[in-house]
Amino acid sequence: MKKSQILMLIGTSLLIGLFVFPMWTITLGAPQYPEPIGMNIWINKIEDMNPNDLKNINLMNHYVGMKEIPEHIKEFEYFPYIIMFMITLGFIFGFVGKPKLYLVWFGMMCVLGVMGMYDFWFWEYNYGHNLDSKAAIKFVDDLGNPINYQPPLIGTKIILNFVAKSMPSTGAYLLFASMFSSIFSYKIATKKLA
């Protein structure tokens, strides 16, 4: 077996880590929460970072009219199957050993990644903008428009007295490493890597 094939197989196997580690982490820090509260987002669930974090976030959000953060969303039903399909396809392409197939796999992963990030952003947008008009507390900006509570897709954002951070977690880094291994596999196979 060629080095490029071995690298492709190893890279593809990194996707198995998505079933073991969370993909994304969102935290909220504030004076009343010296240790930030938050959630870990997996490919098939949303979990507390610390015990009762989701419950506490949902309690706070209820007062400003935000919907509850569910532990399960419809995407969680098919994300694991998509990852299993890409693992299987990556193994097949690795065993076949044709360099162009490594690029096809990388391209498919890029498309899926962009679609996943858009879906995540859209979920955040709806979550932060579609507020209950009967909320107990309403905050407005200087122009009198309701404030939105959308966390950042990636990075840090100040929302009232909270510092919201949204960052990739271990699963996302394994995903990136898997994708880049397919590019390295292609370059090794076509002798474009010095």
N, C-alpha and C. Protein backbone atom coordinates (compact mmCIF):
# COMPACT_ATOMS: atom_id res chain seq x y z
N MET A 1 0.84 -1.19 0.00
CA MET A 1 0.00 0.00 0.00
C MET A 1 0.88 1.24 0.00
N LYS A 2 0.51 2.23 -0.80
CA LYS A 2 1.30 3.46 -0.94
C LYS A 2 1.10 4.37 0.27
N LYS A 3 2.08 5.27 0.46
CA LYS A 3 2.00 6.23 1.57
C LYS A 3 0.75 7.10 1.47
N SER A 4 0.42 7.51 0.25
CA SER A 4 -0.75 8.36 0.07
C SER A 4 -2.02 7.63 0.50
N GLN A 5 -2.10 6.34 0.22
CA GLN A 5 -3.28 5.57 0.61
C GLN A 5 -3.36 5.44 2.13
N ILE A 6 -2.22 5.17 2.76
CA ILE A 6 -2.19 5.04 4.22
C ILE A 6 -2.61 6.34 4.88
N LEU A 7 -2.09 7.47 4.35
CA LEU A 7 -2.44 8.77 4.92
C LEU A 7 -3.93 9.06 4.74
N MET A 8 -4.48 8.70 3.58
CA MET A 8 -5.90 8.90 3.33
C MET A 8 -6.74 8.08 4.31
N LEU A 9 -6.33 6.85 4.55
CA LEU A 9 -7.07 5.98 5.47
C LEU A 9 -6.98 6.49 6.90
N ILE A 10 -5.79 6.94 7.30
CA ILE A 10 -5.61 7.48 8.65
C ILE A 10 -6.44 8.76 8.81
N GLY A 11 -6.36 9.62 7.79
CA GLY A 11 -7.12 10.87 7.84
C GLY A 11 -8.61 10.63 7.92
N THR A 12 -9.09 9.69 7.12
CA THR A 12 -10.52 9.37 7.14
C THR A 12 -10.93 8.83 8.51
N SER A 13 -10.07 8.02 9.11
CA SER A 13 -10.42 7.43 10.42
C SER A 13 -10.53 8.49 11.51
N LEU A 14 -9.95 9.67 11.30
CA LEU A 14 -10.07 10.75 12.29
C LEU A 14 -11.53 11.18 12.47
N LEU A 15 -12.34 10.98 11.43
CA LEU A 15 -13.75 11.36 11.52
C LEU A 15 -14.50 10.55 12.59
N ILE A 16 -13.97 9.39 12.93
CA ILE A 16 -14.59 8.59 13.99
C ILE A 16 -14.62 9.38 15.30
N GLY A 17 -13.65 10.28 15.45
CA GLY A 17 -13.58 11.12 16.65
C GLY A 17 -14.81 12.01 16.84
N LEU A 18 -15.57 12.25 15.76
CA LEU A 18 -16.78 13.07 15.89
C LEU A 18 -17.84 12.39 16.73
N PHE A 19 -17.72 11.07 16.89
CA PHE A 19 -18.65 10.34 17.74
C PHE A 19 -18.16 10.29 19.20
N VAL A 20 -16.95 10.79 19.42
CA VAL A 20 -16.33 10.72 20.75
C VAL A 20 -16.17 12.10 21.39
N PHE A 21 -16.01 13.14 20.55
CA PHE A 21 -15.75 14.49 21.04
C PHE A 21 -16.77 15.48 20.48
N PRO A 22 -17.05 16.55 21.23
CA PRO A 22 -17.96 17.59 20.71
C PRO A 22 -17.32 18.35 19.56
N MET A 23 -18.19 18.88 18.69
CA MET A 23 -17.73 19.67 17.54
C MET A 23 -17.52 21.14 17.90
N TRP A 24 -18.40 21.66 18.74
CA TRP A 24 -18.41 23.10 18.98
C TRP A 24 -18.74 23.37 20.44
N THR A 25 -18.29 24.52 20.93
CA THR A 25 -18.56 24.93 22.31
C THR A 25 -19.01 26.38 22.31
N ILE A 26 -20.08 26.64 23.02
CA ILE A 26 -20.54 28.02 23.22
C ILE A 26 -20.57 28.28 24.73
N THR A 27 -19.93 29.37 25.16
CA THR A 27 -19.91 29.72 26.58
C THR A 27 -20.46 31.12 26.78
N LEU A 28 -20.99 31.35 27.96
CA LEU A 28 -21.48 32.66 28.37
C LEU A 28 -20.83 33.01 29.70
N GLY A 29 -20.11 34.10 29.71
CA GLY A 29 -19.49 34.56 30.94
C GLY A 29 -20.08 35.91 31.34
N ALA A 30 -20.23 36.13 32.62
CA ALA A 30 -20.77 37.39 33.13
C ALA A 30 -20.35 37.53 34.58
N PRO A 31 -20.48 38.76 35.15
CA PRO A 31 -20.10 38.93 36.55
C PRO A 31 -20.77 37.93 37.49
N GLN A 32 -22.04 37.59 37.19
CA GLN A 32 -22.73 36.64 38.07
C GLN A 32 -22.33 35.19 37.79
N TYR A 33 -21.56 34.99 36.72
CA TYR A 33 -21.05 33.65 36.39
C TYR A 33 -19.54 33.73 36.22
N PRO A 34 -18.78 33.82 37.32
CA PRO A 34 -17.32 33.93 37.20
C PRO A 34 -16.73 32.76 36.43
N GLU A 35 -17.34 31.58 36.61
CA GLU A 35 -16.95 30.44 35.77
C GLU A 35 -18.03 30.34 34.69
N PRO A 36 -17.66 30.57 33.42
CA PRO A 36 -18.67 30.63 32.36
C PRO A 36 -19.54 29.37 32.30
N ILE A 37 -20.79 29.58 31.93
CA ILE A 37 -21.69 28.46 31.67
C ILE A 37 -21.72 28.25 30.17
N GLY A 38 -22.10 27.05 29.76
CA GLY A 38 -22.09 26.83 28.32
C GLY A 38 -22.61 25.48 27.92
N MET A 39 -22.42 25.22 26.63
CA MET A 39 -22.90 23.98 26.04
C MET A 39 -21.88 23.44 25.06
N ASN A 40 -21.86 22.13 24.97
CA ASN A 40 -21.06 21.43 23.96
C ASN A 40 -22.01 20.89 22.91
N ILE A 41 -21.69 21.16 21.65
CA ILE A 41 -22.53 20.72 20.56
C ILE A 41 -21.82 19.56 19.85
N TRP A 42 -22.48 18.42 19.83
CA TRP A 42 -21.96 17.21 19.18
C TRP A 42 -22.67 17.04 17.84
N ILE A 43 -22.35 16.00 17.11
CA ILE A 43 -23.05 15.78 15.84
C ILE A 43 -24.44 15.21 16.07
N ASN A 44 -24.74 14.81 17.30
CA ASN A 44 -26.05 14.21 17.55
C ASN A 44 -26.74 14.69 18.83
N LYS A 45 -26.18 15.74 19.49
CA LYS A 45 -26.81 16.22 20.73
C LYS A 45 -26.17 17.52 21.18
N ILE A 46 -26.87 18.20 22.09
CA ILE A 46 -26.34 19.37 22.79
C ILE A 46 -26.30 19.00 24.27
N GLU A 47 -25.16 19.25 24.91
CA GLU A 47 -25.00 18.88 26.33
C GLU A 47 -24.48 20.05 27.15
N ASP A 48 -24.76 20.01 28.44
CA ASP A 48 -24.19 20.96 29.39
C ASP A 48 -22.66 20.86 29.38
N MET A 49 -22.01 22.02 29.55
CA MET A 49 -20.58 21.98 29.83
C MET A 49 -20.36 21.57 31.28
N ASN A 50 -21.18 22.14 32.13
CA ASN A 50 -21.18 21.82 33.57
C ASN A 50 -22.61 21.43 33.93
N PRO A 51 -22.80 20.70 35.02
CA PRO A 51 -24.17 20.31 35.38
C PRO A 51 -25.12 21.50 35.43
N ASN A 52 -26.28 21.33 34.82
CA ASN A 52 -27.38 22.32 34.81
C ASN A 52 -27.12 23.58 33.99
N ASP A 53 -26.08 23.61 33.17
CA ASP A 53 -25.82 24.81 32.36
C ASP A 53 -26.98 25.11 31.40
N LEU A 54 -27.46 24.11 30.69
CA LEU A 54 -28.56 24.34 29.74
C LEU A 54 -29.80 24.85 30.48
N LYS A 55 -30.07 24.27 31.62
CA LYS A 55 -31.23 24.70 32.41
C LYS A 55 -31.09 26.16 32.80
N ASN A 56 -29.89 26.55 33.26
CA ASN A 56 -29.66 27.94 33.66
C ASN A 56 -29.73 28.89 32.47
N ILE A 57 -29.18 28.49 31.33
CA ILE A 57 -29.25 29.33 30.13
C ILE A 57 -30.70 29.51 29.70
N ASN A 58 -31.45 28.42 29.70
CA ASN A 58 -32.85 28.50 29.29
C ASN A 58 -33.68 29.36 30.24
N LEU A 59 -33.37 29.31 31.54
CA LEU A 59 -34.08 30.16 32.50
C LEU A 59 -33.82 31.64 32.23
N MET A 60 -32.55 31.99 31.99
CA MET A 60 -32.21 33.38 31.68
C MET A 60 -32.88 33.83 30.38
N ASN A 61 -32.77 32.98 29.38
CA ASN A 61 -33.30 33.33 28.06
C ASN A 61 -34.81 33.47 28.04
N HIS A 62 -35.48 32.74 28.91
CA HIS A 62 -36.94 32.81 28.98
C HIS A 62 -37.41 34.24 29.26
N TYR A 63 -36.69 34.95 30.12
CA TYR A 63 -37.10 36.30 30.52
C TYR A 63 -37.01 37.31 29.39
N VAL A 64 -36.12 37.08 28.43
CA VAL A 64 -36.00 38.01 27.29
C VAL A 64 -36.73 37.49 26.06
N GLY A 65 -37.44 36.37 26.20
CA GLY A 65 -38.29 35.89 25.11
C GLY A 65 -37.66 34.91 24.15
N MET A 66 -36.52 34.35 24.52
CA MET A 66 -35.87 33.39 23.64
C MET A 66 -36.45 31.99 23.85
N LYS A 67 -36.44 31.20 22.80
CA LYS A 67 -36.89 29.82 22.91
C LYS A 67 -35.89 29.02 23.71
N GLU A 68 -36.33 27.89 24.24
CA GLU A 68 -35.42 27.00 24.95
C GLU A 68 -34.44 26.38 23.98
N ILE A 69 -33.21 26.16 24.46
CA ILE A 69 -32.23 25.42 23.68
C ILE A 69 -32.59 23.95 23.83
N PRO A 70 -32.91 23.31 22.72
CA PRO A 70 -33.30 21.89 22.83
C PRO A 70 -32.06 21.00 22.95
N GLU A 71 -32.24 19.86 23.55
CA GLU A 71 -31.14 18.89 23.59
C GLU A 71 -31.08 18.11 22.29
N HIS A 72 -32.16 18.19 21.52
CA HIS A 72 -32.21 17.45 20.26
C HIS A 72 -32.85 18.34 19.19
N ILE A 73 -32.23 18.37 18.01
CA ILE A 73 -32.79 19.06 16.85
C ILE A 73 -32.80 18.07 15.68
N LYS A 74 -33.60 18.37 14.67
CA LYS A 74 -33.80 17.40 13.57
C LYS A 74 -32.49 17.03 12.88
N GLU A 75 -31.55 17.98 12.80
CA GLU A 75 -30.27 17.70 12.14
C GLU A 75 -29.51 16.56 12.81
N PHE A 76 -29.69 16.41 14.11
CA PHE A 76 -28.99 15.36 14.84
C PHE A 76 -29.40 13.97 14.38
N GLU A 77 -30.54 13.88 13.71
CA GLU A 77 -31.00 12.58 13.24
C GLU A 77 -30.22 12.10 12.02
N TYR A 78 -29.72 13.04 11.19
CA TYR A 78 -29.01 12.60 9.99
C TYR A 78 -27.52 12.93 9.95
N PHE A 79 -27.03 13.84 10.80
CA PHE A 79 -25.59 14.14 10.81
C PHE A 79 -24.73 12.88 11.01
N PRO A 80 -25.07 12.01 11.97
CA PRO A 80 -24.23 10.82 12.15
C PRO A 80 -24.17 9.94 10.89
N TYR A 81 -25.28 9.84 10.17
CA TYR A 81 -25.30 9.02 8.95
C TYR A 81 -24.44 9.64 7.85
N ILE A 82 -24.45 10.97 7.78
CA ILE A 82 -23.60 11.65 6.79
C ILE A 82 -22.14 11.38 7.10
N ILE A 83 -21.76 11.47 8.38
CA ILE A 83 -20.37 11.22 8.77
C ILE A 83 -19.99 9.76 8.49
N MET A 84 -20.88 8.84 8.82
CA MET A 84 -20.59 7.42 8.55
C MET A 84 -20.42 7.17 7.04
N PHE A 85 -21.25 7.84 6.23
CA PHE A 85 -21.13 7.71 4.78
C PHE A 85 -19.79 8.23 4.31
N MET A 86 -19.37 9.40 4.83
CA MET A 86 -18.09 9.98 4.40
C MET A 86 -16.90 9.14 4.88
N ILE A 87 -17.02 8.51 6.04
CA ILE A 87 -15.97 7.60 6.51
C ILE A 87 -15.87 6.41 5.56
N THR A 88 -17.00 5.83 5.24
CA THR A 88 -17.02 4.67 4.32
C THR A 88 -16.45 5.06 2.97
N LEU A 89 -16.89 6.21 2.43
CA LEU A 89 -16.40 6.66 1.13
C LEU A 89 -14.91 6.94 1.17
N GLY A 90 -14.45 7.56 2.27
CA GLY A 90 -13.01 7.84 2.41
C GLY A 90 -12.18 6.57 2.44
N PHE A 91 -12.68 5.54 3.12
CA PHE A 91 -11.97 4.26 3.15
C PHE A 91 -11.94 3.63 1.76
N ILE A 92 -13.07 3.67 1.07
CA ILE A 92 -13.12 3.11 -0.30
C ILE A 92 -12.12 3.83 -1.19
N PHE A 93 -12.15 5.18 -1.16
CA PHE A 93 -11.23 5.96 -1.99
C PHE A 93 -9.77 5.69 -1.60
N GLY A 94 -9.52 5.52 -0.30
CA GLY A 94 -8.16 5.23 0.16
C GLY A 94 -7.67 3.88 -0.37
N PHE A 95 -8.53 2.87 -0.33
CA PHE A 95 -8.13 1.55 -0.82
C PHE A 95 -7.98 1.54 -2.34
N VAL A 96 -8.85 2.28 -3.04
CA VAL A 96 -8.74 2.36 -4.50
C VAL A 96 -7.44 3.06 -4.88
N GLY A 97 -7.09 4.13 -4.16
CA GLY A 97 -5.79 4.78 -4.33
C GLY A 97 -5.66 5.72 -5.51
N LYS A 98 -6.76 6.17 -6.09
CA LYS A 98 -6.68 7.13 -7.20
C LYS A 98 -6.67 8.54 -6.63
N PRO A 99 -5.59 9.31 -6.90
CA PRO A 99 -5.45 10.65 -6.31
C PRO A 99 -6.64 11.57 -6.53
N LYS A 100 -7.25 11.51 -7.71
CA LYS A 100 -8.38 12.41 -7.99
C LYS A 100 -9.54 12.14 -7.03
N LEU A 101 -9.67 10.90 -6.59
CA LEU A 101 -10.74 10.58 -5.65
C LEU A 101 -10.52 11.27 -4.30
N TYR A 102 -9.23 11.49 -3.94
CA TYR A 102 -8.94 12.19 -2.70
C TYR A 102 -9.47 13.62 -2.78
N LEU A 103 -9.32 14.24 -3.96
CA LEU A 103 -9.83 15.60 -4.16
C LEU A 103 -11.35 15.62 -4.17
N VAL A 104 -11.96 14.59 -4.76
CA VAL A 104 -13.42 14.50 -4.76
C VAL A 104 -13.92 14.44 -3.32
N TRP A 105 -13.27 13.61 -2.51
CA TRP A 105 -13.67 13.47 -1.10
C TRP A 105 -13.51 14.80 -0.36
N PHE A 106 -12.38 15.47 -0.60
CA PHE A 106 -12.13 16.77 0.03
C PHE A 106 -13.22 17.77 -0.40
N GLY A 107 -13.54 17.79 -1.68
CA GLY A 107 -14.58 18.69 -2.18
C GLY A 107 -15.93 18.42 -1.54
N MET A 108 -16.27 17.15 -1.41
CA MET A 108 -17.54 16.79 -0.77
C MET A 108 -17.55 17.24 0.69
N MET A 109 -16.42 17.07 1.37
CA MET A 109 -16.34 17.49 2.77
C MET A 109 -16.46 19.01 2.89
N CYS A 110 -15.88 19.74 1.93
CA CYS A 110 -15.98 21.21 1.94
C CYS A 110 -17.44 21.64 1.78
N VAL A 111 -18.13 21.02 0.82
CA VAL A 111 -19.54 21.36 0.59
C VAL A 111 -20.36 21.06 1.84
N LEU A 112 -20.15 19.88 2.42
CA LEU A 112 -20.88 19.51 3.64
C LEU A 112 -20.54 20.46 4.79
N GLY A 113 -19.27 20.86 4.87
CA GLY A 113 -18.85 21.78 5.93
C GLY A 113 -19.52 23.14 5.81
N VAL A 114 -19.57 23.67 4.58
CA VAL A 114 -20.22 24.97 4.35
C VAL A 114 -21.71 24.87 4.67
N MET A 115 -22.33 23.79 4.24
CA MET A 115 -23.76 23.60 4.53
C MET A 115 -24.00 23.49 6.04
N GLY A 116 -23.11 22.78 6.73
CA GLY A 116 -23.24 22.63 8.18
C GLY A 116 -23.07 23.96 8.91
N MET A 117 -22.09 24.76 8.48
CA MET A 117 -21.86 26.05 9.12
C MET A 117 -23.04 27.01 8.86
N TYR A 118 -23.58 26.96 7.63
CA TYR A 118 -24.74 27.80 7.34
C TYR A 118 -25.92 27.38 8.20
N ASP A 119 -26.14 26.09 8.33
CA ASP A 119 -27.24 25.58 9.14
C ASP A 119 -27.08 26.02 10.60
N PHE A 120 -25.86 25.97 11.09
CA PHE A 120 -25.56 26.38 12.46
C PHE A 120 -25.84 27.88 12.62
N TRP A 121 -25.34 28.69 11.67
CA TRP A 121 -25.57 30.13 11.71
C TRP A 121 -27.06 30.44 11.66
N PHE A 122 -27.81 29.76 10.80
CA PHE A 122 -29.25 30.00 10.65
C PHE A 122 -29.99 29.64 11.94
N TRP A 123 -29.57 28.54 12.57
CA TRP A 123 -30.16 28.16 13.85
C TRP A 123 -29.90 29.24 14.89
N GLU A 124 -28.65 29.73 14.95
CA GLU A 124 -28.31 30.81 15.88
C GLU A 124 -29.12 32.08 15.59
N TYR A 125 -29.27 32.39 14.31
CA TYR A 125 -30.00 33.59 13.92
C TYR A 125 -31.45 33.51 14.42
N ASN A 126 -32.12 32.40 14.11
CA ASN A 126 -33.51 32.24 14.55
C ASN A 126 -33.62 32.26 16.07
N TYR A 127 -32.67 31.62 16.70
CA TYR A 127 -32.67 31.54 18.16
C TYR A 127 -32.51 32.93 18.78
N GLY A 128 -31.66 33.76 18.21
CA GLY A 128 -31.36 35.07 18.78
C GLY A 128 -32.27 36.20 18.33
N HIS A 129 -33.03 35.99 17.23
CA HIS A 129 -33.87 37.07 16.69
C HIS A 129 -35.37 36.85 16.89
N ASN A 130 -35.82 35.61 16.86
CA ASN A 130 -37.25 35.34 16.98
C ASN A 130 -37.65 35.28 18.45
N LEU A 131 -37.95 36.46 18.99
CA LEU A 131 -38.23 36.57 20.42
C LEU A 131 -39.73 36.64 20.68
N ASP A 132 -40.13 36.15 21.82
CA ASP A 132 -41.53 36.20 22.23
C ASP A 132 -41.90 37.65 22.54
N SER A 133 -42.94 38.16 21.86
CA SER A 133 -43.35 39.56 22.06
C SER A 133 -43.89 39.80 23.48
N LYS A 134 -44.23 38.73 24.18
CA LYS A 134 -44.77 38.86 25.53
C LYS A 134 -43.71 38.62 26.61
N ALA A 135 -42.44 38.73 26.22
CA ALA A 135 -41.35 38.47 27.16
C ALA A 135 -41.42 39.44 28.34
N ALA A 136 -40.99 38.97 29.50
CA ALA A 136 -41.04 39.78 30.73
C ALA A 136 -40.09 40.97 30.66
N ILE A 137 -38.94 40.77 29.99
CA ILE A 137 -37.93 41.83 29.90
C ILE A 137 -37.64 42.09 28.43
N LYS A 138 -37.65 43.38 28.05
CA LYS A 138 -37.35 43.74 26.67
C LYS A 138 -36.25 44.79 26.66
N PHE A 139 -35.19 44.52 25.92
CA PHE A 139 -34.09 45.46 25.77
C PHE A 139 -34.11 46.01 24.35
N VAL A 140 -33.85 47.30 24.23
CA VAL A 140 -33.81 47.93 22.91
C VAL A 140 -32.50 48.69 22.75
N ASP A 141 -32.14 48.92 21.48
CA ASP A 141 -30.92 49.70 21.22
C ASP A 141 -31.26 51.20 21.28
N ASP A 142 -30.31 52.04 20.91
CA ASP A 142 -30.49 53.50 20.97
C ASP A 142 -31.60 54.00 20.07
N LEU A 143 -31.92 53.23 19.03
CA LEU A 143 -32.97 53.62 18.09
C LEU A 143 -34.34 53.04 18.46
N GLY A 144 -34.38 52.28 19.55
CA GLY A 144 -35.64 51.69 19.99
C GLY A 144 -35.94 50.33 19.38
N ASN A 145 -34.98 49.79 18.63
CA ASN A 145 -35.17 48.46 18.03
C ASN A 145 -34.83 47.37 19.05
N PRO A 146 -35.58 46.27 19.04
CA PRO A 146 -35.26 45.18 19.98
C PRO A 146 -33.84 44.65 19.75
N ILE A 147 -33.15 44.39 20.84
CA ILE A 147 -31.81 43.82 20.75
C ILE A 147 -31.93 42.35 20.38
N ASN A 148 -31.01 41.88 19.53
CA ASN A 148 -30.99 40.44 19.24
C ASN A 148 -29.94 39.79 20.12
N TYR A 149 -30.10 38.50 20.30
CA TYR A 149 -29.22 37.76 21.21
C TYR A 149 -28.49 36.64 20.48
N GLN A 150 -28.23 36.86 19.21
CA GLN A 150 -27.56 35.82 18.42
C GLN A 150 -26.10 35.70 18.84
N PRO A 151 -25.68 34.50 19.26
CA PRO A 151 -24.26 34.33 19.58
C PRO A 151 -23.44 34.35 18.29
N PRO A 152 -22.15 34.60 18.38
CA PRO A 152 -21.34 34.61 17.16
C PRO A 152 -21.20 33.20 16.58
N LEU A 153 -21.02 33.12 15.27
CA LEU A 153 -20.77 31.83 14.64
C LEU A 153 -19.44 31.28 15.14
N ILE A 154 -18.44 32.18 15.14
CA ILE A 154 -17.13 31.83 15.69
C ILE A 154 -16.53 33.11 16.25
N GLY A 155 -15.97 33.02 17.44
CA GLY A 155 -15.36 34.19 18.06
C GLY A 155 -16.11 34.62 19.30
N THR A 156 -15.99 35.92 19.62
CA THR A 156 -16.53 36.48 20.85
C THR A 156 -17.45 37.66 20.53
N LYS A 157 -18.53 37.79 21.31
CA LYS A 157 -19.48 38.88 21.12
C LYS A 157 -20.03 39.27 22.49
N ILE A 158 -20.16 40.58 22.71
CA ILE A 158 -20.76 41.08 23.95
C ILE A 158 -22.27 41.17 23.73
N ILE A 159 -23.03 40.49 24.58
CA ILE A 159 -24.50 40.54 24.53
C ILE A 159 -24.96 40.96 25.92
N LEU A 160 -25.40 42.24 26.03
CA LEU A 160 -25.73 42.85 27.32
C LEU A 160 -24.50 42.74 28.23
N ASN A 161 -24.62 42.09 29.39
CA ASN A 161 -23.46 41.98 30.27
C ASN A 161 -22.77 40.62 30.14
N PHE A 162 -23.11 39.89 29.09
CA PHE A 162 -22.51 38.58 28.87
C PHE A 162 -21.44 38.64 27.78
N VAL A 163 -20.42 37.83 27.95
CA VAL A 163 -19.43 37.62 26.89
C VAL A 163 -19.71 36.24 26.32
N ALA A 164 -20.23 36.22 25.09
CA ALA A 164 -20.55 34.96 24.42
C ALA A 164 -19.38 34.55 23.55
N LYS A 165 -18.93 33.32 23.73
CA LYS A 165 -17.84 32.78 22.92
C LYS A 165 -18.32 31.52 22.21
N SER A 166 -18.04 31.45 20.94
CA SER A 166 -18.40 30.29 20.13
C SER A 166 -17.14 29.82 19.42
N MET A 167 -16.70 28.61 19.75
CA MET A 167 -15.42 28.14 19.23
C MET A 167 -15.49 26.67 18.83
N PRO A 168 -14.67 26.30 17.82
CA PRO A 168 -14.58 24.87 17.48
C PRO A 168 -14.04 24.10 18.68
N SER A 169 -14.46 22.85 18.77
CA SER A 169 -13.96 21.98 19.83
C SER A 169 -13.18 20.83 19.20
N THR A 170 -12.81 19.86 19.98
CA THR A 170 -11.94 18.77 19.53
C THR A 170 -12.45 18.10 18.26
N GLY A 171 -13.75 17.83 18.19
CA GLY A 171 -14.32 17.17 17.00
C GLY A 171 -14.08 17.96 15.73
N ALA A 172 -14.22 19.29 15.82
CA ALA A 172 -14.00 20.14 14.64
C ALA A 172 -12.55 20.08 14.19
N TYR A 173 -11.62 20.08 15.15
CA TYR A 173 -10.20 20.01 14.78
C TYR A 173 -9.86 18.67 14.12
N LEU A 174 -10.48 17.60 14.60
CA LEU A 174 -10.29 16.30 13.96
C LEU A 174 -10.86 16.31 12.54
N LEU A 175 -11.99 16.98 12.37
CA LEU A 175 -12.59 17.11 11.04
C LEU A 175 -11.66 17.87 10.10
N PHE A 176 -11.12 19.01 10.56
CA PHE A 176 -10.19 19.78 9.73
C PHE A 176 -8.95 18.96 9.38
N ALA A 177 -8.41 18.25 10.37
CA ALA A 177 -7.22 17.42 10.13
C ALA A 177 -7.52 16.33 9.11
N SER A 178 -8.70 15.75 9.19
CA SER A 178 -9.11 14.72 8.24
C SER A 178 -9.18 15.28 6.84
N MET A 179 -9.76 16.45 6.70
CA MET A 179 -9.88 17.08 5.37
C MET A 179 -8.51 17.40 4.79
N PHE A 180 -7.64 17.96 5.60
CA PHE A 180 -6.33 18.33 5.08
C PHE A 180 -5.48 17.12 4.78
N SER A 181 -5.72 16.01 5.46
CA SER A 181 -4.96 14.80 5.16
C SER A 181 -5.28 14.30 3.75
N SER A 182 -6.51 14.54 3.29
CA SER A 182 -6.85 14.12 1.92
C SER A 182 -6.08 14.96 0.90
N ILE A 183 -5.86 16.23 1.20
CA ILE A 183 -5.07 17.09 0.30
C ILE A 183 -3.61 16.63 0.29
N PHE A 184 -3.07 16.33 1.47
CA PHE A 184 -1.69 15.83 1.54
C PHE A 184 -1.57 14.49 0.82
N SER A 185 -2.59 13.66 0.96
CA SER A 185 -2.58 12.37 0.26
C SER A 185 -2.52 12.57 -1.25
N TYR A 186 -3.29 13.52 -1.73
CA TYR A 186 -3.28 13.84 -3.16
C TYR A 186 -1.90 14.34 -3.59
N LYS A 187 -1.33 15.25 -2.80
CA LYS A 187 -0.02 15.81 -3.18
C LYS A 187 1.07 14.75 -3.14
N ILE A 188 1.02 13.87 -2.17
CA ILE A 188 2.02 12.78 -2.10
C ILE A 188 1.84 11.85 -3.29
N ALA A 189 0.59 11.51 -3.60
CA ALA A 189 0.31 10.58 -4.70
C ALA A 189 0.74 11.15 -6.05
N THR A 190 0.62 12.46 -6.19
CA THR A 190 0.99 13.08 -7.48
C THR A 190 2.39 13.70 -7.42
N LYS A 191 3.11 13.40 -6.32
CA LYS A 191 4.49 13.86 -6.11
C LYS A 191 4.61 15.37 -6.19
N LYS A 192 3.58 16.06 -5.70
CA LYS A 192 3.62 17.53 -5.66
C LYS A 192 4.06 18.03 -4.30
N LEU A 193 4.33 17.12 -3.39
CA LEU A 193 4.79 17.51 -2.06
C LEU A 193 6.29 17.29 -2.01
N ALA A 194 7.00 18.35 -1.69
CA ALA A 194 8.47 18.24 -1.68
C ALA A 194 8.94 17.36 -0.55
